Structure formats: structure tokens, C-alpha cells
Amino acid sequence: MKINSRRKGKAAEREVARLLEVWWGGVEPGIKFRSTPLSGGFSTPDVRGAFEMAGDLMTTAESFPYCVEVKHRQNWSEKTFVAGKKSPLWSWWKQAQKSALEENKIPLLIFRKNRMEWRVIIPEETMSRLSVCEPCHVWPEFKFDVGLHPVCYWAKDFLK
């Protein structure tokens, strides 16, 4: 059976949107998260930024400081990622940073593989100010450019 990656991606976005609604709903009750429309009209950074529609999810929350990228992919190695070696995750992290820059927000990458729990990557500098929970992965250094230094959390802990 062939997997429809677009359908899988949209389902992942809906699942993460529900998680974020519960989490951020404690700050702003009644808020909604939805997938960002990817039509041609939103194809340039200035247009996406003006409508605050960069990243994979948009929200009605006025104080939500994050630009969210969601990835539900199989093509990465857990071992390589945890070791901080070259991985598709780092290109996703760069994408999250680029999208966040368009909106002047904090990048938030939420990702997983099939049958694994969601994880969150956020800039280390942001988390050092929040002290939410203990990270599941920290990388003291990289031998390649990843932009803002990442810290990884299990989503279930981060979104408490």
C-alpha cells in the first residue's frame, strides 16, 4: 500500500494543532490552530510575514510567540540525530528558523517517526529563560551549521 505523504503530513499538522490548542489554551482560552494555506498567493516571504502565515500552523492566539514547523517523517536515523551528526532534522530545523524569521517569532520544530512520540526542538537561548522541563537531547557542539543552537524535548513534557 502506497503512503500518501501529503495526507500523512496534514494529519500530523491536525494532531499537533490539537496538542497546541490544549497547551496554549491555558494562556488564551478558546484559541484555534490550523494548517497554513500553501496556495501560490502565499508564496513570498513578505506576503507570508504580513499575514503571519509562515510555518505549518497558524493560530488565533494573539500572544503565541512561536512559528511552528511539523514533520512526521521516516527518513531519519534516531542514532544519528541523537549523536548530533548530519541528519535531515537539521535541514528541518533550518527551515523552522527561516520561517520564524519571516514572522519575527521563535522557531518551534515538532517532529516524529511512525510509532514514536512527538519531540520538540527549540532554540537553547529560549529554553534557558523558561526552564520548563529537562531536555531529552542536548548537543554541546556541532561540526556543521545548524543556525540557532537547538535543544530537544519530548513534546509530552514540553507541552505540560
Foldseek 3Di string as FASTA:
>chain_A
DDDDVVVVQQVQQVVVQVLVQVLCCVVVPPKGKHFQDDDPQCVDLQNCQVVVRFEGIDMPDPPDQEREHEEADDQWDPVCVLQQHDTVVLVVLVSQVVSCVSNVGWRWYWYDYPPDAIKIKTAPVVCVVVVQDDFPGADPDHPDDSDGHITMHGCVSVSD
